[in-house]
Amino acid sequence: RGMPCPPLSSLRKHAGKRINLTAAVMSGDLGDRENHVFLLCDASGTAYAILPRYHVTGTNKPLLSAPYAAVIEIRGVLTRYNPRHKAWNLLLTGSSGVRLVSC
């Protein structure tokens, strides 16, 4: 709250910064034993939410149980571009928060 929620299409303007955003969960966990990975989408683009196992906390754990197409709000996520996969990654840390948004 207080920080604007930019659309996913504008992540290049926020590279390397912590932001808040709202998006829909468009996949189950695509990750492995070390990293939880979820595809997120809003009306403007897509990005991958990355939650390393060692950063799972009570405030970001709701991402792990969010159902397909659930709208979530993420606070304090770090934006990173992965040139190898030509994709935006949203790195959640222990200080990041996730909550389901009810419509």
N, C-alpha and C. Protein backbone atom coordinates (compact mmCIF):
# COMPACT_ATOMS: atom_id res chain seq x y z
N ARG A 1 0.85 -1.17 0.00
CA ARG A 1 0.00 0.00 0.00
C ARG A 1 0.90 1.23 0.00
N GLY A 2 0.48 2.22 -0.76
CA GLY A 2 1.29 3.41 -0.86
C GLY A 2 2.14 3.44 -2.12
N MET A 3 2.72 2.29 -2.50
CA MET A 3 3.49 2.22 -3.74
C MET A 3 2.55 1.84 -4.86
N PRO A 4 2.72 2.47 -6.05
CA PRO A 4 1.86 2.08 -7.16
C PRO A 4 2.14 0.65 -7.63
N CYS A 5 1.16 0.06 -8.27
CA CYS A 5 1.30 -1.29 -8.83
C CYS A 5 1.41 -1.17 -10.34
N PRO A 6 2.62 -1.23 -10.89
CA PRO A 6 2.78 -1.09 -12.33
C PRO A 6 2.30 -2.34 -13.07
N PRO A 7 1.89 -2.19 -14.33
CA PRO A 7 1.55 -3.37 -15.13
C PRO A 7 2.80 -4.16 -15.47
N LEU A 8 2.64 -5.44 -15.73
CA LEU A 8 3.79 -6.29 -16.07
C LEU A 8 4.50 -5.81 -17.34
N SER A 9 3.78 -5.16 -18.23
CA SER A 9 4.40 -4.66 -19.46
C SER A 9 5.42 -3.56 -19.21
N SER A 10 5.42 -2.97 -18.03
CA SER A 10 6.36 -1.89 -17.74
C SER A 10 7.52 -2.33 -16.84
N LEU A 11 7.75 -3.63 -16.70
CA LEU A 11 8.80 -4.10 -15.79
C LEU A 11 10.19 -3.59 -16.16
N ARG A 12 10.44 -3.35 -17.44
CA ARG A 12 11.76 -2.85 -17.83
C ARG A 12 12.09 -1.52 -17.17
N LYS A 13 11.08 -0.73 -16.86
CA LYS A 13 11.28 0.55 -16.18
C LYS A 13 11.64 0.36 -14.71
N HIS A 14 11.38 -0.82 -14.19
CA HIS A 14 11.58 -1.10 -12.77
C HIS A 14 12.64 -2.17 -12.52
N ALA A 15 13.45 -2.47 -13.53
CA ALA A 15 14.47 -3.52 -13.41
C ALA A 15 15.38 -3.25 -12.22
N GLY A 16 15.59 -4.29 -11.43
CA GLY A 16 16.47 -4.19 -10.27
C GLY A 16 15.85 -3.51 -9.07
N LYS A 17 14.59 -3.17 -9.14
CA LYS A 17 13.91 -2.48 -8.04
C LYS A 17 12.88 -3.39 -7.40
N ARG A 18 12.51 -3.05 -6.17
CA ARG A 18 11.42 -3.75 -5.48
C ARG A 18 10.13 -2.99 -5.77
N ILE A 19 9.11 -3.74 -6.17
CA ILE A 19 7.83 -3.13 -6.50
C ILE A 19 6.70 -3.94 -5.88
N ASN A 20 5.51 -3.39 -5.96
CA ASN A 20 4.27 -4.09 -5.63
C ASN A 20 3.56 -4.34 -6.94
N LEU A 21 2.83 -5.44 -7.04
CA LEU A 21 2.06 -5.68 -8.25
C LEU A 21 0.89 -6.59 -7.98
N THR A 22 -0.04 -6.57 -8.92
CA THR A 22 -1.22 -7.43 -8.87
C THR A 22 -1.27 -8.21 -10.18
N ALA A 23 -1.48 -9.52 -10.10
CA ALA A 23 -1.53 -10.36 -11.30
C ALA A 23 -2.29 -11.64 -10.99
N ALA A 24 -2.59 -12.39 -12.04
CA ALA A 24 -3.26 -13.68 -11.89
C ALA A 24 -2.23 -14.80 -12.00
N VAL A 25 -2.42 -15.85 -11.22
CA VAL A 25 -1.55 -17.02 -11.25
C VAL A 25 -2.01 -17.90 -12.42
N MET A 26 -1.12 -18.13 -13.39
CA MET A 26 -1.51 -18.85 -14.60
C MET A 26 -0.84 -20.22 -14.75
N SER A 27 -0.27 -20.73 -13.67
CA SER A 27 0.32 -22.07 -13.73
C SER A 27 0.38 -22.65 -12.33
N GLY A 28 0.60 -23.94 -12.28
CA GLY A 28 0.96 -24.57 -11.03
C GLY A 28 2.45 -24.30 -10.82
N ASP A 29 3.02 -24.90 -9.82
CA ASP A 29 4.45 -24.72 -9.53
C ASP A 29 5.28 -25.38 -10.64
N LEU A 30 6.03 -24.58 -11.38
CA LEU A 30 6.88 -25.04 -12.47
C LEU A 30 8.32 -25.30 -12.02
N GLY A 31 8.58 -25.08 -10.74
CA GLY A 31 9.94 -25.15 -10.24
C GLY A 31 10.40 -26.54 -9.86
N ASP A 32 11.43 -26.55 -9.02
CA ASP A 32 12.03 -27.79 -8.56
C ASP A 32 12.12 -27.77 -7.04
N ARG A 33 12.94 -28.63 -6.46
CA ARG A 33 13.05 -28.71 -5.00
C ARG A 33 13.62 -27.44 -4.38
N GLU A 34 14.39 -26.68 -5.14
CA GLU A 34 15.05 -25.49 -4.60
C GLU A 34 14.26 -24.19 -4.81
N ASN A 35 13.52 -24.11 -5.91
CA ASN A 35 12.81 -22.88 -6.25
C ASN A 35 11.39 -23.16 -6.70
N HIS A 36 10.45 -22.45 -6.12
CA HIS A 36 9.06 -22.48 -6.59
C HIS A 36 8.95 -21.44 -7.70
N VAL A 37 8.32 -21.79 -8.82
CA VAL A 37 8.19 -20.90 -9.97
C VAL A 37 6.75 -20.93 -10.46
N PHE A 38 6.16 -19.75 -10.61
CA PHE A 38 4.78 -19.62 -11.08
C PHE A 38 4.71 -18.58 -12.18
N LEU A 39 3.95 -18.89 -13.24
CA LEU A 39 3.71 -17.93 -14.30
C LEU A 39 2.60 -17.00 -13.85
N LEU A 40 2.86 -15.69 -13.95
CA LEU A 40 1.87 -14.68 -13.61
C LEU A 40 1.50 -13.91 -14.86
N CYS A 41 0.30 -13.38 -14.88
CA CYS A 41 -0.18 -12.64 -16.04
C CYS A 41 -1.11 -11.52 -15.57
N ASP A 42 -1.03 -10.38 -16.25
CA ASP A 42 -2.06 -9.37 -16.12
C ASP A 42 -2.50 -9.05 -17.55
N ALA A 43 -3.30 -8.09 -17.76
CA ALA A 43 -3.80 -7.80 -19.11
C ALA A 43 -2.71 -7.31 -20.04
N SER A 44 -1.53 -6.99 -19.49
CA SER A 44 -0.48 -6.38 -20.31
C SER A 44 0.72 -7.28 -20.60
N GLY A 45 0.91 -8.36 -19.85
CA GLY A 45 2.09 -9.20 -20.06
C GLY A 45 2.19 -10.33 -19.07
N THR A 46 3.35 -11.01 -19.12
CA THR A 46 3.59 -12.14 -18.23
C THR A 46 4.96 -11.99 -17.55
N ALA A 47 5.12 -12.70 -16.45
CA ALA A 47 6.39 -12.76 -15.73
C ALA A 47 6.36 -14.01 -14.86
N TYR A 48 7.52 -14.43 -14.41
CA TYR A 48 7.62 -15.61 -13.54
C TYR A 48 7.92 -15.16 -12.11
N ALA A 49 7.10 -15.59 -11.18
CA ALA A 49 7.35 -15.36 -9.76
C ALA A 49 8.25 -16.48 -9.28
N ILE A 50 9.39 -16.12 -8.72
CA ILE A 50 10.37 -17.08 -8.22
C ILE A 50 10.43 -16.96 -6.69
N LEU A 51 10.15 -18.06 -6.02
CA LEU A 51 10.22 -18.08 -4.56
C LEU A 51 11.17 -19.19 -4.13
N PRO A 52 12.43 -18.82 -3.84
CA PRO A 52 13.38 -19.83 -3.38
C PRO A 52 12.90 -20.48 -2.08
N ARG A 53 13.13 -21.77 -1.96
CA ARG A 53 12.67 -22.52 -0.79
C ARG A 53 13.12 -21.87 0.52
N TYR A 54 14.35 -21.36 0.55
CA TYR A 54 14.88 -20.77 1.79
C TYR A 54 14.30 -19.39 2.10
N HIS A 55 13.49 -18.82 1.20
CA HIS A 55 12.84 -17.54 1.45
C HIS A 55 11.36 -17.67 1.79
N VAL A 56 10.83 -18.89 1.87
CA VAL A 56 9.40 -19.08 2.18
C VAL A 56 9.15 -18.65 3.62
N THR A 57 8.19 -17.73 3.78
CA THR A 57 7.79 -17.24 5.11
C THR A 57 6.27 -17.25 5.19
N GLY A 58 5.76 -16.96 6.33
CA GLY A 58 4.31 -16.88 6.50
C GLY A 58 3.68 -15.80 5.65
N THR A 59 4.42 -14.74 5.32
CA THR A 59 3.85 -13.64 4.55
C THR A 59 3.85 -13.88 3.04
N ASN A 60 4.73 -14.75 2.55
CA ASN A 60 4.74 -15.02 1.09
C ASN A 60 4.25 -16.43 0.74
N LYS A 61 4.00 -17.24 1.75
CA LYS A 61 3.56 -18.63 1.52
C LYS A 61 2.21 -18.74 0.79
N PRO A 62 1.29 -17.76 0.87
CA PRO A 62 0.03 -17.89 0.12
C PRO A 62 0.22 -18.12 -1.39
N LEU A 63 1.37 -17.74 -1.94
CA LEU A 63 1.63 -18.01 -3.36
C LEU A 63 1.60 -19.52 -3.63
N LEU A 64 2.10 -20.31 -2.70
CA LEU A 64 2.22 -21.75 -2.91
C LEU A 64 0.88 -22.45 -2.98
N SER A 65 -0.15 -21.87 -2.40
CA SER A 65 -1.47 -22.51 -2.42
C SER A 65 -2.49 -21.74 -3.26
N ALA A 66 -2.06 -20.72 -3.97
CA ALA A 66 -2.99 -19.96 -4.81
C ALA A 66 -3.47 -20.82 -5.97
N PRO A 67 -4.78 -20.92 -6.17
CA PRO A 67 -5.29 -21.74 -7.27
C PRO A 67 -5.09 -21.06 -8.62
N TYR A 68 -5.20 -21.85 -9.68
CA TYR A 68 -5.10 -21.34 -11.04
C TYR A 68 -6.07 -20.18 -11.23
N ALA A 69 -5.61 -19.11 -11.85
CA ALA A 69 -6.38 -17.90 -12.17
C ALA A 69 -6.69 -17.03 -10.96
N ALA A 70 -6.17 -17.38 -9.79
CA ALA A 70 -6.36 -16.53 -8.61
C ALA A 70 -5.62 -15.21 -8.82
N VAL A 71 -6.25 -14.14 -8.41
CA VAL A 71 -5.60 -12.83 -8.46
C VAL A 71 -4.87 -12.63 -7.13
N ILE A 72 -3.59 -12.28 -7.24
CA ILE A 72 -2.79 -12.07 -6.04
C ILE A 72 -2.15 -10.69 -6.06
N GLU A 73 -1.87 -10.21 -4.89
CA GLU A 73 -1.10 -8.97 -4.72
C GLU A 73 0.23 -9.37 -4.11
N ILE A 74 1.31 -8.90 -4.71
CA ILE A 74 2.65 -9.18 -4.18
C ILE A 74 3.28 -7.85 -3.79
N ARG A 75 3.83 -7.81 -2.59
CA ARG A 75 4.50 -6.60 -2.10
C ARG A 75 6.00 -6.87 -1.96
N GLY A 76 6.79 -5.90 -2.38
CA GLY A 76 8.23 -5.97 -2.18
C GLY A 76 8.94 -7.04 -2.98
N VAL A 77 8.55 -7.21 -4.25
CA VAL A 77 9.17 -8.21 -5.11
C VAL A 77 10.27 -7.54 -5.94
N LEU A 78 11.38 -8.23 -6.12
CA LEU A 78 12.52 -7.70 -6.87
C LEU A 78 12.40 -8.09 -8.33
N THR A 79 12.49 -7.12 -9.23
CA THR A 79 12.35 -7.38 -10.67
C THR A 79 13.71 -7.65 -11.30
N ARG A 80 13.77 -8.71 -12.07
CA ARG A 80 15.01 -9.09 -12.77
C ARG A 80 14.66 -9.60 -14.16
N TYR A 81 15.50 -9.27 -15.14
CA TYR A 81 15.31 -9.79 -16.49
C TYR A 81 16.27 -10.95 -16.69
N ASN A 82 15.77 -12.05 -17.26
CA ASN A 82 16.60 -13.22 -17.55
C ASN A 82 16.82 -13.25 -19.07
N PRO A 83 17.97 -12.76 -19.54
CA PRO A 83 18.20 -12.70 -20.99
C PRO A 83 18.27 -14.08 -21.63
N ARG A 84 18.70 -15.08 -20.89
CA ARG A 84 18.79 -16.43 -21.44
C ARG A 84 17.42 -16.95 -21.89
N HIS A 85 16.40 -16.65 -21.08
CA HIS A 85 15.05 -17.11 -21.39
C HIS A 85 14.16 -15.99 -21.92
N LYS A 86 14.73 -14.79 -22.04
CA LYS A 86 13.98 -13.62 -22.51
C LYS A 86 12.68 -13.47 -21.73
N ALA A 87 12.81 -13.49 -20.41
CA ALA A 87 11.64 -13.45 -19.54
C ALA A 87 11.93 -12.60 -18.30
N TRP A 88 10.88 -12.00 -17.77
CA TRP A 88 10.99 -11.26 -16.52
C TRP A 88 10.76 -12.20 -15.35
N ASN A 89 11.62 -12.09 -14.35
CA ASN A 89 11.49 -12.85 -13.12
C ASN A 89 11.19 -11.88 -11.98
N LEU A 90 10.32 -12.30 -11.11
CA LEU A 90 9.95 -11.54 -9.92
C LEU A 90 10.41 -12.34 -8.72
N LEU A 91 11.50 -11.91 -8.10
CA LEU A 91 12.12 -12.66 -7.02
C LEU A 91 11.50 -12.27 -5.68
N LEU A 92 10.84 -13.24 -5.06
CA LEU A 92 10.28 -13.03 -3.74
C LEU A 92 11.33 -13.41 -2.70
N THR A 93 11.44 -12.59 -1.68
CA THR A 93 12.38 -12.86 -0.59
C THR A 93 11.59 -12.97 0.72
N GLY A 94 12.30 -13.15 1.80
CA GLY A 94 11.65 -13.27 3.08
C GLY A 94 10.85 -12.04 3.48
N SER A 95 11.18 -10.88 2.91
CA SER A 95 10.45 -9.66 3.24
C SER A 95 9.29 -9.39 2.28
N SER A 96 9.12 -10.22 1.25
CA SER A 96 8.00 -10.06 0.31
C SER A 96 6.73 -10.59 0.93
N GLY A 97 5.60 -10.03 0.50
CA GLY A 97 4.31 -10.49 0.98
C GLY A 97 3.39 -10.82 -0.17
N VAL A 98 2.55 -11.83 0.02
CA VAL A 98 1.57 -12.24 -0.99
C VAL A 98 0.22 -12.38 -0.32
N ARG A 99 -0.80 -11.87 -0.97
CA ARG A 99 -2.16 -12.10 -0.47
C ARG A 99 -3.09 -12.32 -1.66
N LEU A 100 -4.09 -13.18 -1.45
CA LEU A 100 -5.12 -13.42 -2.45
C LEU A 100 -6.05 -12.23 -2.45
N VAL A 101 -6.44 -11.77 -3.64
CA VAL A 101 -7.36 -10.65 -3.78
C VAL A 101 -8.73 -11.23 -4.08
N SER A 102 -9.69 -10.92 -3.25
CA SER A 102 -11.05 -11.42 -3.51
C SER A 102 -11.78 -10.41 -4.37
N CYS A 103 -12.50 -10.92 -5.33
CA CYS A 103 -13.24 -10.05 -6.28
C CYS A 103 -14.69 -9.96 -5.89
